[in-house]
Structure formats: C-alpha cells, structure tokens
Protein backbone atom coordinates (compact mmCIF):
# COMPACT_ATOMS: atom_id res chain seq x y z
CA MET A 1 22.93 8.57 18.10
CA ILE A 2 19.63 9.65 19.61
CA LYS A 3 18.70 7.65 22.69
CA ASN A 4 16.28 4.76 22.09
CA SER A 5 16.47 5.20 18.31
CA PHE A 6 18.51 2.91 16.14
CA ILE A 7 18.61 1.18 12.79
CA THR A 8 20.11 -2.21 12.26
CA ILE A 9 20.95 -4.18 9.19
CA LEU A 10 20.17 -7.75 10.09
CA THR A 11 21.38 -10.65 8.02
CA PHE A 12 19.45 -13.81 8.64
CA SER A 13 20.70 -17.17 7.42
CA LEU A 14 17.92 -19.59 6.62
CA LEU A 15 18.82 -23.24 6.22
CA LEU A 16 16.74 -24.85 3.53
CA ASN A 17 17.82 -28.31 2.37
CA CYS A 18 21.27 -27.61 3.82
CA ASN A 19 21.69 -24.53 1.60
CA THR A 20 22.23 -21.12 3.22
CA ASN A 21 20.16 -18.28 1.73
CA PRO A 22 20.84 -14.84 3.20
CA MET A 23 17.93 -12.46 3.64
CA THR A 24 18.63 -8.89 4.60
CA SER A 25 16.27 -6.47 6.32
CA VAL A 26 16.33 -2.92 7.59
CA ILE A 27 14.87 -2.23 11.04
CA LEU A 28 14.00 1.20 12.41
CA LYS A 29 12.94 1.39 16.04
CA ASN A 30 12.23 3.97 18.70
CA GLU A 31 10.55 3.77 22.10
CA THR A 32 7.11 3.85 20.45
CA ALA A 33 7.22 1.72 17.31
CA GLU A 34 9.23 -0.79 15.28
CA PHE A 35 9.40 -0.88 11.48
CA GLU A 36 11.01 -3.47 9.20
CA MET A 37 11.69 -3.49 5.46
CA THR A 38 13.26 -6.25 3.39
CA LEU A 39 15.86 -5.36 0.78
CA GLU A 40 14.85 -8.33 -1.37
CA GLY A 41 11.84 -6.83 -3.09
CA SER A 42 11.75 -4.02 -0.54
CA ALA A 43 8.50 -4.98 1.18
CA PHE A 44 7.47 -3.47 4.51
CA THR A 45 6.93 -6.59 6.59
CA LYS A 46 6.57 -5.22 10.11
CA PHE A 47 5.11 -2.09 11.66
CA ARG A 48 3.96 -2.43 15.24
CA LEU A 49 3.76 -0.56 18.51
CA THR A 50 6.41 -1.62 21.02
CA ASP A 51 3.76 -2.36 23.64
CA ASN A 52 1.49 -4.33 21.29
CA PRO A 53 2.63 -7.64 19.73
CA ILE A 54 0.18 -7.42 16.80
CA ASN A 55 1.86 -6.68 13.45
CA PRO A 56 -0.74 -5.53 10.89
CA LEU A 57 1.65 -6.18 7.96
CA ASP A 58 1.83 -9.90 8.76
CA TRP A 59 0.65 -11.06 5.32
CA ARG A 60 2.29 -12.94 2.49
CA LEU A 61 1.20 -14.82 -0.61
CA PRO A 62 2.31 -18.46 -0.42
CA LYS A 63 5.14 -19.35 -2.78
CA LYS A 64 2.97 -21.88 -4.58
CA ARG A 65 0.52 -19.07 -5.44
CA LEU A 66 3.04 -16.92 -7.31
CA PRO A 67 2.07 -16.40 -10.97
CA ASP A 68 4.16 -18.22 -13.60
CA THR A 69 5.99 -15.00 -14.48
CA ASN A 70 7.26 -14.69 -10.89
CA ILE A 71 8.37 -18.24 -10.11
CA GLY A 72 11.75 -17.92 -8.41
CA SER A 73 11.16 -14.27 -7.50
CA PHE A 74 10.64 -12.79 -4.05
CA LEU A 75 7.31 -13.30 -2.31
CA PHE A 76 4.54 -10.72 -2.28
CA GLN A 77 4.28 -9.74 1.39
CA GLY A 78 3.13 -6.91 3.63
CA HIS A 79 3.30 -3.54 1.90
CA PHE A 80 5.05 -3.91 -1.47
CA LEU A 81 5.48 -1.68 -4.51
CA CYS A 82 3.87 -2.27 -7.90
CA LEU A 83 5.79 -0.27 -10.51
CA GLY A 84 5.42 0.22 -14.26
CA THR A 85 2.13 -1.58 -14.67
CA TRP A 86 -0.55 -2.84 -12.31
CA GLY A 87 -1.16 -6.49 -13.04
CA MET A 88 0.08 -9.00 -15.57
CA PRO A 89 2.54 -7.94 -18.31
CA THR A 90 1.55 -8.29 -21.96
CA ASP A 91 2.82 -11.19 -24.06
CA GLY A 92 5.56 -9.02 -25.50
CA GLU A 93 6.54 -7.75 -22.05
CA LYS A 94 6.70 -11.32 -20.74
CA LYS A 95 9.09 -12.25 -23.55
CA ALA A 96 11.22 -9.25 -22.55
CA GLY A 97 11.42 -10.63 -19.01
CA LEU A 98 8.91 -8.45 -17.15
CA LYS A 99 7.03 -9.95 -14.24
CA PHE A 100 3.68 -9.55 -12.54
CA TYR A 101 3.53 -6.15 -10.76
CA GLY A 102 6.80 -4.97 -12.31
CA GLU A 103 10.39 -4.81 -11.07
CA GLY A 104 9.96 -2.97 -7.77
CA ASN A 105 9.40 -6.19 -5.85
CA THR A 106 11.67 -8.48 -7.89
CA GLU A 107 15.00 -6.68 -7.43
CA VAL A 108 17.37 -6.36 -4.48
CA TRP A 109 17.37 -2.77 -3.24
CA LYS A 110 20.64 -1.16 -2.17
CA ILE A 111 21.29 1.18 0.73
CA THR A 112 22.69 4.45 -0.63
CA LYS A 113 22.47 6.59 2.51
CA PRO A 114 22.83 4.75 5.81
CA LEU A 115 21.40 5.82 9.13
CA HIS A 116 21.15 9.55 9.65
CA ASN A 117 19.82 10.95 12.93
CA THR A 118 18.47 14.40 13.60
CA ASP A 119 16.69 15.92 16.56
CA THR A 120 13.36 14.82 15.09
CA SER A 121 13.86 11.60 13.14
CA GLN A 122 16.07 8.80 11.88
CA SER A 123 16.23 8.01 8.18
CA ILE A 124 17.69 5.69 5.59
CA THR A 125 17.69 5.80 1.78
CA THR A 126 17.56 2.81 -0.58
CA VAL A 127 17.49 2.54 -4.35
CA MET A 128 16.22 0.10 -6.97
CA GLN A 129 17.42 0.20 -10.56
CA GLY A 130 14.99 -1.41 -13.00
CA PRO A 131 17.13 -3.43 -15.43
CA ILE A 132 14.39 -3.89 -18.05
CA GLU A 133 11.91 -1.02 -17.75
CA ARG A 134 14.64 1.43 -16.76
CA LEU A 135 12.47 2.89 -14.03
CA ASP A 136 14.64 3.62 -10.99
CA VAL A 137 13.26 4.30 -7.53
CA THR A 138 15.00 6.12 -4.69
CA ARG A 139 13.16 5.65 -1.39
CA THR A 140 13.82 7.54 1.84
CA LEU A 141 12.26 6.35 5.11
CA ASN A 142 11.88 8.63 8.11
CA LEU A 143 10.77 7.22 11.47
CA TYR A 144 10.00 10.19 13.67
CA ASN A 145 11.36 10.10 17.21
CA HIS A 146 8.88 9.55 20.04
CA SER A 147 6.18 8.82 17.43
CA SER A 148 4.59 5.96 15.50
CA VAL A 149 4.75 7.86 12.19
CA VAL A 150 6.85 6.82 9.18
CA GLU A 151 7.26 9.19 6.24
CA VAL A 152 8.02 7.51 2.91
CA THR A 153 9.36 9.56 0.01
CA GLU A 154 9.92 7.92 -3.37
CA GLU A 155 11.52 9.38 -6.49
CA VAL A 156 10.80 7.50 -9.73
CA THR A 157 13.12 8.27 -12.67
CA ASN A 158 12.54 7.24 -16.28
CA ASN A 159 15.93 6.38 -17.78
CA LEU A 160 14.55 5.59 -21.22
CA PRO A 161 15.18 8.08 -24.05
CA ILE A 162 11.41 8.37 -24.60
CA GLY A 163 8.44 9.36 -22.47
CA ARG A 164 5.93 6.69 -21.54
CA PRO A 165 2.83 5.94 -19.53
CA TYR A 166 3.47 4.13 -16.27
CA ASN A 167 1.81 3.38 -12.96
CA ILE A 168 2.82 3.15 -9.34
CA LEU A 169 0.69 1.38 -6.73
CA GLN A 170 1.35 0.95 -3.02
CA HIS A 171 0.05 -2.54 -2.21
CA ALA A 172 -0.34 -2.25 1.58
CA THR A 173 -1.79 -5.59 2.66
CA MET A 174 -2.77 -6.43 6.23
CA GLY A 175 -3.15 -9.94 7.57
CA GLY A 176 -2.23 -12.31 10.37
CA ARG A 177 -3.91 -11.77 13.75
CA PHE A 178 -4.80 -8.20 12.79
CA ILE A 179 -7.33 -9.16 10.12
CA ASN A 180 -10.62 -10.92 10.83
CA GLN A 181 -14.32 -10.47 10.12
CA LYS A 182 -14.52 -7.64 12.68
CA THR A 183 -11.77 -5.47 11.16
CA ILE A 184 -13.03 -2.00 10.16
CA LEU A 185 -11.87 -0.03 7.10
CA ASN A 186 -12.45 3.73 6.98
CA THR A 187 -11.48 6.18 4.22
CA ASN A 188 -12.48 9.50 2.67
CA ALA A 189 -12.78 7.87 -0.78
CA GLY A 190 -15.81 8.66 -2.95
CA LYS A 191 -17.14 7.18 -6.19
CA GLY A 192 -16.14 3.65 -7.05
CA PHE A 193 -16.77 0.46 -9.00
CA TYR A 194 -16.13 -3.24 -8.44
CA GLN A 195 -13.71 -5.44 -10.39
CA ASN A 196 -11.50 -8.55 -10.24
CA ALA A 197 -11.44 -11.75 -8.19
CA GLU A 198 -14.99 -13.11 -7.87
CA TYR A 199 -16.60 -9.90 -9.11
CA LYS A 200 -15.00 -9.73 -12.54
CA ARG A 201 -16.38 -7.17 -14.98
CA SER A 202 -17.47 -8.15 -18.47
CA THR A 203 -16.95 -4.56 -19.61
CA TYR A 204 -15.47 -1.28 -18.39
CA THR A 205 -17.64 0.90 -20.62
CA ASP A 206 -20.34 1.20 -17.94
CA ILE A 207 -18.26 1.92 -14.84
CA GLU A 208 -19.72 5.39 -14.40
CA GLU A 209 -23.31 4.22 -14.88
CA THR A 210 -22.85 1.39 -12.36
CA SER A 211 -20.71 3.35 -9.89
CA TYR A 212 -21.49 3.83 -6.21
CA GLU A 213 -20.36 5.99 -3.30
CA TRP A 214 -18.19 4.77 -0.46
CA PRO A 215 -19.01 2.88 1.71
CA ASN A 216 -22.09 1.38 0.03
CA ALA A 217 -21.02 -0.81 -2.87
CA LEU A 218 -23.50 -2.30 -5.33
CA VAL A 219 -21.95 -5.61 -6.38
CA PRO A 220 -23.52 -8.56 -8.27
CA ASP A 221 -24.70 -10.06 -4.94
CA GLY A 222 -26.41 -6.85 -3.85
CA GLU A 223 -25.40 -3.91 -1.65
CA ILE A 224 -22.56 -4.29 0.86
CA ASP A 225 -20.89 -1.99 3.39
CA LEU A 226 -17.21 -1.75 2.45
CA THR A 227 -16.15 -0.61 5.92
CA LEU A 228 -17.00 -4.04 7.31
CA SER A 229 -15.13 -7.30 6.75
CA ASN A 230 -18.04 -9.71 7.17
CA GLN A 231 -20.30 -8.70 4.29
CA VAL A 232 -19.51 -11.37 1.68
CA GLN A 233 -17.60 -14.63 1.69
CA LYS A 234 -15.77 -13.78 -1.51
CA SER A 235 -12.62 -12.02 -2.65
CA PHE A 236 -13.08 -8.78 -4.57
CA VAL A 237 -11.64 -5.36 -5.38
CA SER A 238 -13.51 -2.08 -5.01
CA THR A 239 -11.83 0.85 -6.80
CA HIS A 240 -12.38 4.53 -5.90
CA ILE A 241 -11.45 8.11 -6.61
CA PHE A 242 -11.70 10.98 -4.11
CA PRO A 243 -14.12 13.91 -3.89
CA GLU A 244 -12.94 17.10 -5.58
CA ASN A 245 -12.88 19.04 -2.31
CA GLU A 246 -10.35 16.65 -0.73
CA THR A 247 -6.64 17.52 -0.93
CA HIS A 248 -5.46 14.28 0.66
CA GLY A 249 -6.53 10.69 0.50
CA TRP A 250 -6.51 8.57 3.64
CA ALA A 251 -7.47 5.10 4.73
CA THR A 252 -7.31 3.14 7.98
CA LEU A 253 -7.83 -0.42 9.16
CA THR A 254 -8.77 -1.03 12.80
CA ASN A 255 -8.88 -4.13 14.97
CA VAL A 256 -10.86 -3.11 18.05
CA GLU A 257 -10.10 -6.28 19.99
CA ALA A 258 -6.36 -5.68 19.48
CA GLY A 259 -6.78 -2.00 20.35
CA LEU A 260 -4.89 -1.04 17.21
CA LEU A 261 -5.31 1.14 14.13
CA ILE A 262 -2.99 1.40 11.13
CA GLY A 263 -3.42 4.18 8.61
CA TYR A 264 -2.04 5.95 5.56
CA ILE A 265 -2.40 9.52 4.31
CA TRP A 266 -1.08 10.96 1.04
CA ASP A 267 -1.45 13.90 -1.34
CA LYS A 268 -4.31 13.18 -3.72
CA LYS A 269 -2.28 14.57 -6.63
CA ASP A 270 0.32 11.85 -6.06
CA TYR A 271 -2.14 8.99 -5.72
CA PRO A 272 -5.65 9.83 -7.02
CA TRP A 273 -6.96 6.24 -6.76
CA LEU A 274 -7.71 3.83 -3.92
CA ASN A 275 -8.16 0.10 -4.61
CA VAL A 276 -9.53 -1.89 -1.68
CA TRP A 277 -8.83 -5.62 -1.88
CA HIS A 278 -10.80 -8.05 0.24
CA GLN A 279 -9.21 -11.52 0.41
CA TYR A 280 -11.51 -14.33 1.51
CA GLU A 281 -10.14 -17.87 1.36
CA GLU A 282 -10.57 -21.17 3.20
CA GLY A 283 -13.63 -19.91 5.04
CA LYS A 284 -12.14 -16.74 6.50
CA VAL A 285 -10.90 -13.24 5.77
CA LYS A 286 -7.17 -13.57 5.17
CA GLY A 287 -6.27 -10.08 4.05
CA ARG A 288 -7.47 -6.57 3.38
CA ALA A 289 -5.39 -4.19 1.30
CA ILE A 290 -5.21 -0.41 1.08
CA GLU A 291 -3.83 0.06 -2.45
CA PHE A 292 -3.38 3.77 -3.18
CA ALA A 293 -2.17 4.39 -6.68
CA THR A 294 -1.98 6.31 -9.95
CA CYS A 295 -4.24 3.63 -11.44
CA GLY A 296 -7.62 2.11 -10.83
CA MET A 297 -8.42 0.11 -13.94
CA TRP A 298 -7.16 -3.46 -14.19
CA GLN A 299 -6.40 -3.13 -17.90
CA PRO A 300 -3.25 -2.89 -20.06
CA PHE A 301 -2.10 0.45 -21.45
CA GLU A 302 -3.20 -0.60 -24.94
CA TYR A 303 -6.83 -0.75 -23.80
CA MET A 304 -6.67 2.51 -21.88
CA MET A 305 -5.17 4.34 -24.86
CA SER A 306 -7.58 2.83 -27.37
CA ASN A 307 -10.67 3.67 -25.31
CA ASP A 308 -11.88 6.58 -23.23
CA SER A 309 -11.18 4.81 -19.96
CA ARG A 310 -11.44 7.83 -17.67
CA PHE A 311 -13.58 7.45 -14.56
CA PHE A 312 -15.34 10.76 -13.97
CA GLY A 313 -12.43 12.48 -15.69
CA GLN A 314 -9.65 10.59 -13.90
CA ASN A 315 -7.13 8.70 -16.04
CA SER A 316 -5.85 5.34 -14.84
CA PHE A 317 -2.20 6.02 -15.65
CA GLU A 318 0.45 8.71 -15.38
CA PHE A 319 2.91 9.99 -17.98
CA ILE A 320 6.62 10.22 -17.22
CA ASP A 321 8.90 11.93 -19.73
CA ALA A 322 12.40 10.84 -20.77
CA GLY A 323 14.78 11.60 -17.92
CA GLU A 324 11.95 12.89 -15.71
CA THR A 325 11.78 12.20 -11.98
CA LYS A 326 8.43 11.97 -10.19
CA HIS A 327 8.41 12.78 -6.45
CA LYS A 328 5.77 11.16 -4.23
CA THR A 329 5.32 11.08 -0.46
CA TYR A 330 2.99 9.35 1.96
CA PHE A 331 2.78 8.79 5.71
CA MET A 332 1.93 5.58 7.55
CA PHE A 333 1.05 5.51 11.22
CA LEU A 334 -0.14 3.40 14.14
CA LEU A 335 -2.54 4.43 16.87
CA PRO A 336 -3.81 2.63 19.98
CA ILE A 337 -7.61 2.88 20.16
CA ASP A 338 -10.30 2.48 22.81
CA SER A 339 -12.54 -0.57 23.15
CA ASN A 340 -15.60 1.51 22.21
CA PHE A 341 -14.11 2.58 18.86
CA THR A 342 -16.74 2.96 16.12
CA ALA A 343 -15.05 4.69 13.18
CA VAL A 344 -12.49 7.19 11.95
CA GLU A 345 -14.43 10.24 10.83
CA ASN A 346 -11.65 12.38 9.41
CA ILE A 347 -7.88 12.72 9.14
CA LYS A 348 -6.14 16.03 8.57
CA MET A 349 -2.54 16.51 7.49
CA ASN A 350 -0.75 19.41 9.18
CA THR A 351 2.83 20.64 9.00
CA ASN A 352 3.94 18.78 12.12
CA SER A 353 1.08 16.43 12.93
CA ILE A 354 -1.55 14.04 11.65
CA ASP A 355 -4.87 14.80 13.34
CA ILE A 356 -7.22 11.81 13.54
CA THR A 357 -10.86 12.35 14.47
CA ILE A 358 -12.38 9.22 15.98
CA ASN A 359 -15.96 8.32 16.82
CA ASN A 360 -16.27 6.25 19.99
CA GLU A 361 -19.92 5.18 20.19
CA GLY A 362 -21.20 8.62 19.23
CA LYS A 363 -18.57 10.67 21.05
CA THR A 364 -15.87 12.20 18.89
CA LYS A 365 -12.32 13.08 19.84
CA THR A 366 -9.28 14.18 17.84
CA GLN A 367 -5.89 12.64 18.50
CA ALA A 368 -2.74 14.27 17.10
CA LEU A 369 0.27 12.22 16.07
CA THR A 370 3.08 14.77 16.11
CA PHE A 371 6.36 14.52 14.27
C-alpha cells in the first residue's frame, strides 16, 4: 500500500428509537485530501483538504422535504446522481415504482473492485443495477496521490431490449459553512435561460428569444450577476450550454474567507448542459449546485419529443440503444486560494494536469493540479 494513501469501508451504527440502522461509506484519503462516498444512494458527502476543516459537500435535503415518491428512500445529499430522467416521473412511471431523480440515488451500490493502488493513484469501483429502468451504472473513483484531484468514470448500460431516450445529471450541491452570500461561482458556460423554483416558466417556446449570456441573467426581477450569491433572495435555476469553441465545460465555487475553491471539469460531449441551482431559504443562501448534465429542460420526454425543444440546436436528452454502454468521465478538485481572489478566468485540461488561471485583484496566475 502506498504510504499515506488508504481506503476504508466504515460501517456506522446509528441508534434511532433503539433500532440499529447500518450506513456504509467509502473513504479515500491521501496526505492532501479526503473524499467520502455513501453506498446507500452513492452520494459524495465529503471532499475536503486535510489542512482545511471546511467540507463544500456539506448539504442535504431534510427528510421531511423528500417528495412523496421518495418517502422512505435515501436522502438527497452532497453530490448525487440523477439517472433516467431529470425531475418527477410521469403518472405511469410512478405506478411502475420509479422515484424522483431515478434509481441512481435510491439503490444500495455494491463494491465490485476493492482498493487498488498504483504509483499514481488509488481507486475503487462500485456498481448500481437499476431494478425497474434496467439502467446499470459502473463507477470507478481515482484519488490521485499527492493531489486533491478525483477522477470519476461512469459506464451506463441499457439492459432493456429496446433503445430509449435517457438523461444523466450530476447534482453537485454545496452547502454548510462553505456557502454564503459571498460565495463566487465561475464557469465557461454561455447562453442560458431561467426556469424552476420561484422563476417558473409559463412556456418553453421562447427560450431562445429570452436567452442571455453567462454571467448576466435576465430574470423576471431584472438583470442579475450569476457569479454572485447575493443578487436575489429567491431560489431559482439558470440553465446553460457552452460556446462552440469550448471542448470542455468547467465550473467552480469559491469561498474566499475559507480560502477554498472546489471545481469540476468534464468533456463537453459527455455533458453539454450546465444547470446552476441557487437555493435561498429561511433568509439565507443554503445551497448552490453545479449540475452538469445531458439535459437542460425540466420537461418529460413526451414534451421534448412532441415539440422542437432544442436550445440553439442542443437536445435535452441522449439516446442509448439496447445493450449499449455510455462512457463518461469528469474530474473534481480542491484548491486553496489567496485572500485577494477575484475570479477563475479559465481552466484547461491537460494529459497530466488541470491548469487553473486565477485573477487575484487584477493579477493573473496559473496553478497546475498534477495527477
């Protein structure tokens, strides 16, 4: 085993009303960072630097807020997977037993390949078999040694005898002490439109005509800067695609007071959409989510197939054939930042590094996270 790198399967026993309920997690840790994933619903619930107590993924939806379809299921927390559809199932799907956001976060994932160490990383592989939709996911995590970079590779297989539309959305939600009205969100996203929460749309036929360019969103209350967390005291979603000249999508959230940045980068062909959720409740910002996905329209497949629902040519779903396996990869990373941080200007994906260009009060510098 490589020094200072280990993975542990922890079984916690929680006593609730004198009943013991086991909850199992996977922890990857090196001298730089610590990462934790639950097997119940397979949410990423912790990703922090070893010398910084702040955990950006410290977010969960209270049990009492779960939709009716998910009562008794695992909580939505941290970074979780939405698979099959994005949003509420149809009436027929509900009768078949499907839940809000699909089966990726309602099933217990199994470890199929335990800890494997190399000279560069440690990895583990888990799998989820969808009992109703028959969409299986194999996920491999790589925490690179001496680095705060985690590579996530997911393989989605359609085990139905027919092809079908489907969606996959990474619901990476930040909260806890990391999120407040000073948190900064940067991304290379482009055109977008508002939807959901307190900015519901009456129609999707005008999304191109009413679109805007990141970061300046034109919402019913006026123009707001999406990079900032103090613009409106409302919850909303802003949905975006990426400029044609970009090969990768990226997004970061930064808490300057905590000296911490968390970010994601992915191939735009895998995830052509970015949905930014701003959660404002009880007089404060409670969460901000970086939701990169194959979808951007909060509508059922029936609507998207009955209407031309493309947004500047981009469909809001993906097709997976019978027996086909889709391969998708993204990287998540942490970076300590200076107190004069202003913005992330660019992120570049290289073979062995993620190069992050930061603006510190007008002075730019590029930091490389190697792996």
